[in-house]
C-alpha cells in the first residue's frame, strides 16, 4: 500500500537550487533557496507528477541504488540474516501518511525555528510566522476547518444552535486563496465578510449559530505593520439574533517567506463580559513575528493576558 508524502520543503525539479512547499496533497506557491543538504525525495501528486519526465525517474532510481547499497553493506558487516529491523530511512519503509487537521497547515519546523509544541506559541511554518498564545487560550490539535487555530479554553452552546459549540475568542491564520484580490486591503475587505459569517452566522456544516447576523458596522480599517510587512486590517462590530454578538477582524499581509504569498489572520471575539477585551486583537497583531526572530524565543505568549 502506498501513502502520500508528508508535507514539507522538497527540491523543486523545475527550478534547480530552490525548494517548494508540498502540503501533503499538492505543490503550493511557496518557494525558498535550497538547503545545502542531501536532497529529499521529490513528492509526487497522485496521478500527476510535477516536473515529471526522465529526470525525476533518474533521481528516484539513483536514490534507490544508493540506499540499497547502504543496506546491503550493513547486512554484510553485521552478518545479519534479516532479523534486524531496517532503519527508518531505508527504501523499504513506506512514507508516513500526511497528517490531518491543523498539523498539515503547520508542517515540519526547520532548524532554528520555534518548537511547534510550545504551548505559548502558535507556529505557522508555511507562512513563516509565529503568534503569541495568550494566557487562558489553547491551540487545539484538530478543528472542523483546516486552519491553524488558537482559541479560548472552554466551549459553550452556541445561541440558537445548542448542538454546536462556540468559543468566546478565536484566531486563525491561513494563506489567502480562492480570490482575485491582490492587495492586502482588497484581500482584507473581501475576507471580513466570510470571517463574520463563519463566526456568527452559519458554521461550516450550515447550522445557524447566534441566531444569524442581523446587522454590522465597520469600526476600524487601515494599514497595519505585521511581522515587518505592510498589511491592512478591517474590523466589524456584528449584531446577532441571539446573544451579544461580537467583533471580527481580518488582517492581510505578505508572507514572511518564499514568494510572500498573502496571509490572512482572522479574529472573532464575543462581545459582552465573557468575551476577550477588544484591545487584545491589537496586542496579538503586534506579537506576530517572522520565524527566526529572537522575539519568538522563550514563550512569547506567557506574559500576554486576555
Protein backbone atom coordinates (compact mmCIF):
# COMPACT_ATOMS: atom_id res chain seq x y z
CA UNK A 1 0.00 0.00 0.00
CA UNK A 2 1.32 3.46 -0.87
CA UNK A 3 0.93 6.55 1.29
CA UNK A 4 1.05 10.26 0.38
CA UNK A 5 4.30 12.06 1.02
CA UNK A 6 4.09 14.15 4.23
CA UNK A 7 4.05 17.98 3.98
CA UNK A 8 7.44 19.66 3.85
CA UNK A 9 10.07 21.52 1.83
CA UNK A 10 11.37 19.49 -1.13
CA UNK A 11 13.74 20.24 -4.06
CA UNK A 12 11.92 21.92 -6.93
CA UNK A 13 12.85 19.93 -10.03
CA UNK A 14 11.61 22.79 -12.23
CA UNK A 15 13.95 25.32 -10.57
CA UNK A 16 17.30 23.80 -9.51
CA UNK A 17 18.71 25.26 -6.30
CA UNK A 18 15.28 26.01 -4.79
CA UNK A 19 12.79 24.16 -2.60
CA UNK A 20 8.99 24.23 -2.83
CA UNK A 21 6.38 23.50 -0.08
CA UNK A 22 4.40 20.27 -0.55
CA UNK A 23 1.18 20.46 1.56
CA UNK A 24 0.62 16.70 1.58
CA UNK A 25 -1.64 16.70 -1.48
CA UNK A 26 -0.31 19.30 -3.92
CA UNK A 27 2.52 21.75 -4.58
CA UNK A 28 1.99 25.31 -3.27
CA UNK A 29 3.32 28.68 -4.43
CA UNK A 30 5.78 28.87 -1.52
CA UNK A 31 9.45 28.60 -2.52
CA UNK A 32 12.78 29.23 -0.81
CA UNK A 33 16.51 28.80 -1.59
CA UNK A 34 17.55 25.16 -1.40
CA UNK A 35 19.26 23.93 1.76
CA UNK A 36 22.85 22.68 1.49
CA UNK A 37 22.00 19.07 2.34
CA UNK A 38 21.30 15.72 0.70
CA UNK A 39 18.19 16.17 -1.46
CA UNK A 40 14.99 14.72 -0.04
CA UNK A 41 12.74 12.52 -2.20
CA UNK A 42 10.61 14.56 -4.57
CA UNK A 43 6.91 14.18 -3.58
CA UNK A 44 4.57 13.10 -6.34
CA UNK A 45 0.91 14.09 -6.54
CA UNK A 46 -1.41 11.10 -7.11
CA UNK A 47 -1.71 10.58 -10.86
CA UNK A 48 0.08 13.82 -11.75
CA UNK A 49 3.85 14.02 -11.05
CA UNK A 50 5.14 17.59 -11.02
CA UNK A 51 8.03 18.39 -13.33
CA UNK A 52 7.89 14.65 -14.28
CA UNK A 53 9.75 13.07 -17.13
CA UNK A 54 13.04 11.21 -17.33
CA UNK A 55 14.85 13.49 -14.87
CA UNK A 56 12.55 12.70 -11.93
CA UNK A 57 12.73 8.97 -12.65
CA UNK A 58 16.52 9.13 -12.80
CA UNK A 59 16.77 10.96 -9.46
CA UNK A 60 14.50 8.46 -7.69
CA UNK A 61 16.31 5.50 -9.26
CA UNK A 62 19.71 6.87 -8.23
CA UNK A 63 18.50 7.40 -4.68
CA UNK A 64 17.19 3.82 -4.54
CA UNK A 65 20.56 2.45 -5.71
CA UNK A 66 22.45 4.41 -3.04
CA UNK A 67 20.09 3.35 -0.26
CA UNK A 68 20.10 -0.25 -1.45
CA UNK A 69 23.90 -0.32 -1.41
CA UNK A 70 23.98 1.10 2.10
CA UNK A 71 21.53 -1.53 3.39
CA UNK A 72 23.47 -4.34 1.69
CA UNK A 73 26.73 -3.10 3.22
CA UNK A 74 25.16 -3.02 6.66
CA UNK A 75 23.99 -6.65 6.32
CA UNK A 76 27.44 -7.84 5.18
CA UNK A 77 29.21 -6.06 8.03
CA UNK A 78 26.91 -7.34 10.75
CA UNK A 79 26.32 -10.81 9.32
CA UNK A 80 22.64 -10.29 9.97
CA UNK A 81 20.25 -12.68 8.23
CA UNK A 82 17.34 -10.25 8.09
CA UNK A 83 16.07 -10.29 11.69
CA UNK A 84 17.49 -6.84 12.50
CA UNK A 85 14.90 -4.07 11.83
CA UNK A 86 15.71 -1.88 8.83
CA UNK A 87 16.49 1.77 9.63
CA UNK A 88 13.62 4.21 9.19
CA UNK A 89 15.43 5.99 6.34
CA UNK A 90 15.72 2.87 4.19
CA UNK A 91 13.93 2.33 0.91
CA UNK A 92 11.75 -0.41 2.41
CA UNK A 93 9.99 1.97 4.79
CA UNK A 94 6.81 3.48 3.28
CA UNK A 95 6.32 7.27 3.70
CA UNK A 96 4.07 8.21 6.60
CA UNK A 97 0.51 9.30 5.73
CA UNK A 98 0.03 13.05 5.63
CA UNK A 99 -1.13 14.49 8.98
CA UNK A 100 -4.71 15.75 9.25
CA UNK A 101 -6.29 18.88 10.67
CA UNK A 102 -4.09 21.81 11.68
CA UNK A 103 -0.94 19.67 11.63
CA UNK A 104 -0.97 19.89 7.84
CA UNK A 105 -1.04 23.68 7.99
CA UNK A 106 1.88 23.96 10.33
CA UNK A 107 4.19 21.43 8.65
CA UNK A 108 7.58 20.33 9.96
CA UNK A 109 9.72 23.02 11.53
CA UNK A 110 13.18 23.69 10.01
CA UNK A 111 16.35 24.01 12.11
CA UNK A 112 16.33 27.10 14.33
CA UNK A 113 12.58 27.61 14.24
CA UNK A 114 10.38 27.72 17.37
CA UNK A 115 9.16 24.47 18.85
CA UNK A 116 5.69 23.83 17.41
CA UNK A 117 4.74 22.07 20.65
CA UNK A 118 5.42 25.17 22.77
CA UNK A 119 2.03 25.98 24.39
CA UNK A 120 2.85 29.70 24.35
CA UNK A 121 3.42 29.98 20.58
CA UNK A 122 1.30 29.24 17.51
CA UNK A 123 3.74 28.39 14.70
CA UNK A 124 2.60 28.86 11.10
CA UNK A 125 5.54 27.19 9.37
CA UNK A 126 4.08 27.50 5.88
CA UNK A 127 3.76 31.30 6.08
CA UNK A 128 6.87 31.81 8.21
CA UNK A 129 5.24 33.47 11.23
CA UNK A 130 4.52 32.85 14.90
CA UNK A 131 1.69 34.20 17.04
CA UNK A 132 1.73 34.51 20.84
CA UNK A 133 -0.89 32.39 22.60
CA UNK A 134 -2.40 34.41 25.48
CA UNK A 135 -2.93 33.04 28.97
CA UNK A 136 -6.28 31.26 29.09
CA UNK A 137 -6.09 30.28 25.43
CA UNK A 138 -5.21 26.96 23.78
CA UNK A 139 -4.04 25.51 20.50
CA UNK A 140 -6.45 22.67 19.59
CA UNK A 141 -4.99 19.58 17.98
CA UNK A 142 -7.82 19.38 15.45
CA UNK A 143 -10.56 21.71 14.24
CA UNK A 144 -13.52 21.38 11.88
CA UNK A 145 -11.91 23.82 9.47
CA UNK A 146 -8.36 23.01 8.41
CA UNK A 147 -6.84 26.29 9.54
CA UNK A 148 -4.15 26.85 12.14
CA UNK A 149 -6.17 27.92 15.18
CA UNK A 150 -5.94 29.15 18.75
CA UNK A 151 -8.96 29.83 20.95
CA UNK A 152 -10.13 30.50 24.48
CA UNK A 153 -10.28 27.42 26.69
CA UNK A 154 -13.72 26.03 27.39
CA UNK A 155 -16.64 25.98 24.98
CA UNK A 156 -20.32 26.83 25.36
CA UNK A 157 -23.51 26.02 23.47
CA UNK A 158 -23.91 28.46 20.62
CA UNK A 159 -27.02 30.67 20.98
CA UNK A 160 -29.63 29.38 18.57
CA UNK A 161 -27.82 26.08 17.94
CA UNK A 162 -27.38 24.07 21.11
CA UNK A 163 -25.84 21.19 19.16
CA UNK A 164 -22.95 23.42 18.11
CA UNK A 165 -20.05 24.55 20.29
CA UNK A 166 -18.78 28.13 20.35
CA UNK A 167 -15.75 29.82 21.89
CA UNK A 168 -15.52 33.34 23.29
CA UNK A 169 -12.40 34.08 21.29
CA UNK A 170 -10.85 32.50 18.18
CA UNK A 171 -7.87 33.43 15.99
CA UNK A 172 -6.93 31.60 12.78
CA UNK A 173 -4.15 32.01 10.24
CA UNK A 174 -4.03 30.78 6.66
CA UNK A 175 -2.71 31.53 3.19
CA UNK A 176 -5.22 33.60 1.24
CA UNK A 177 -6.70 31.58 -1.60
CA UNK A 178 -9.64 31.38 -3.99
CA UNK A 179 -9.59 35.12 -4.57
CA UNK A 180 -8.78 37.52 -7.38
CA UNK A 181 -7.78 40.22 -4.90
CA UNK A 182 -4.08 41.07 -4.99
CA UNK A 183 -3.52 43.82 -2.40
CA UNK A 184 -3.71 43.44 1.40
CA UNK A 185 -6.55 45.95 1.51
CA UNK A 186 -8.63 44.17 -1.13
CA UNK A 187 -8.00 40.79 0.49
CA UNK A 188 -8.96 42.01 3.98
CA UNK A 189 -12.10 43.78 2.72
CA UNK A 190 -13.17 40.62 0.93
CA UNK A 191 -12.28 38.22 3.73
CA UNK A 192 -14.10 40.10 6.52
CA UNK A 193 -17.46 39.01 5.07
CA UNK A 194 -16.54 35.34 5.26
CA UNK A 195 -14.95 35.83 8.70
CA UNK A 196 -18.16 37.34 10.09
CA UNK A 197 -20.39 34.68 8.55
CA UNK A 198 -18.27 31.81 9.86
CA UNK A 199 -18.08 33.24 13.37
CA UNK A 200 -21.64 34.50 13.91
CA UNK A 201 -23.99 33.41 11.11
CA UNK A 202 -23.54 29.79 9.95
CA UNK A 203 -20.87 27.27 10.86
CA UNK A 204 -19.12 25.03 8.31
CA UNK A 205 -21.93 22.45 8.40
CA UNK A 206 -24.70 25.02 7.89
CA UNK A 207 -26.01 25.34 11.46
CA UNK A 208 -27.45 28.76 12.26
CA UNK A 209 -25.38 29.93 15.22
CA UNK A 210 -26.09 33.03 17.33
CA UNK A 211 -29.44 33.35 15.58
CA UNK A 212 -27.68 34.68 12.50
CA UNK A 213 -26.25 38.14 11.80
CA UNK A 214 -28.85 40.92 11.86
CA UNK A 215 -26.52 43.85 11.11
CA UNK A 216 -22.93 45.02 11.25
CA UNK A 217 -20.90 48.20 11.18
CA UNK A 218 -17.26 48.85 10.42
CA UNK A 219 -15.43 50.25 13.43
CA UNK A 220 -11.82 50.22 12.19
CA UNK A 221 -9.88 49.90 8.96
CA UNK A 222 -6.46 50.92 7.73
CA UNK A 223 -2.84 49.95 7.09
CA UNK A 224 -1.01 47.96 9.76
CA UNK A 225 2.51 46.56 10.08
CA UNK A 226 2.59 42.81 10.71
CA UNK A 227 5.83 40.81 11.12
CA UNK A 228 7.74 43.61 9.39
CA UNK A 229 5.37 43.66 6.40
CA UNK A 230 2.83 46.33 5.48
CA UNK A 231 -0.68 44.92 5.63
CA UNK A 232 -4.26 46.04 6.07
CA UNK A 233 -6.96 45.33 8.65
CA UNK A 234 -10.75 45.61 8.68
CA UNK A 235 -12.79 45.27 11.91
CA UNK A 236 -16.56 44.92 12.26
CA UNK A 237 -18.99 45.02 15.16
CA UNK A 238 -21.55 42.30 14.47
CA UNK A 239 -25.07 42.16 15.96
CA UNK A 240 -26.84 38.81 16.07
CA UNK A 241 -30.38 37.49 16.53
CA UNK A 242 -29.36 35.78 19.79
CA UNK A 243 -26.60 36.54 22.24
CA UNK A 244 -24.42 39.66 22.45
CA UNK A 245 -22.84 39.31 19.01
CA UNK A 246 -19.18 40.09 18.69
CA UNK A 247 -16.24 41.65 16.89
CA UNK A 248 -14.47 40.21 13.85
CA UNK A 249 -11.30 41.35 12.15
CA UNK A 250 -9.45 40.29 9.01
CA UNK A 251 -5.79 41.24 8.75
CA UNK A 252 -3.98 40.59 5.45
CA UNK A 253 -0.24 40.95 4.80
CA UNK A 254 2.52 39.37 2.68
CA UNK A 255 4.07 36.15 3.97
CA UNK A 256 7.45 36.42 5.66
CA UNK A 257 8.92 33.64 3.50
CA UNK A 258 9.21 32.40 -0.06
CA UNK A 259 7.19 34.21 -2.69
CA UNK A 260 5.48 36.33 0.00
CA UNK A 261 2.03 34.92 -0.76
CA UNK A 262 -0.70 36.85 1.10
CA UNK A 263 -1.59 35.69 4.61
CA UNK A 264 -4.88 36.28 6.42
CA UNK A 265 -5.22 36.29 10.21
CA UNK A 266 -8.86 36.25 11.37
CA UNK A 267 -10.07 37.30 14.81
CA UNK A 268 -13.52 36.62 16.31
CA UNK A 269 -14.20 37.92 19.85
CA UNK A 270 -17.57 37.69 21.58
CA UNK A 271 -18.98 40.98 22.85
CA UNK A 272 -20.14 41.29 26.45
CA UNK A 273 -18.40 40.45 29.73
CA UNK A 274 -17.44 36.91 28.69
CA UNK A 275 -15.56 37.94 25.56
CA UNK A 276 -11.85 38.84 25.44
CA UNK A 277 -11.00 42.57 25.61
CA UNK A 278 -11.03 44.15 22.17
CA UNK A 279 -7.53 45.57 22.74
CA UNK A 280 -6.19 42.01 22.65
CA UNK A 281 -6.65 41.99 18.88
CA UNK A 282 -4.06 44.76 18.58
CA UNK A 283 -1.77 43.10 21.13
CA UNK A 284 -1.81 39.83 19.20
CA UNK A 285 -1.21 41.58 15.88
CA UNK A 286 1.85 43.33 17.31
CA UNK A 287 3.04 39.99 18.65
CA UNK A 288 3.15 38.29 15.23
CA UNK A 289 6.80 37.66 14.34
CA UNK A 290 8.71 36.09 11.44
CA UNK A 291 10.03 32.64 12.28
CA UNK A 292 13.62 33.04 13.45
CA UNK A 293 13.02 36.45 15.05
CA UNK A 294 14.60 36.36 18.51
CA UNK A 295 11.38 37.75 19.98
CA UNK A 296 9.73 34.41 19.26
CA UNK A 297 12.00 32.58 21.66
CA UNK A 298 11.25 31.87 25.29
CA UNK A 299 7.46 31.56 25.22
CA UNK A 300 6.32 34.93 23.95
CA UNK A 301 2.70 34.31 24.90
CA UNK A 302 3.34 33.67 28.58
CA UNK A 303 3.11 37.32 29.54
CA UNK A 304 0.05 38.16 27.44
CA UNK A 305 -3.20 38.10 29.41
CA UNK A 306 -6.66 38.19 27.79
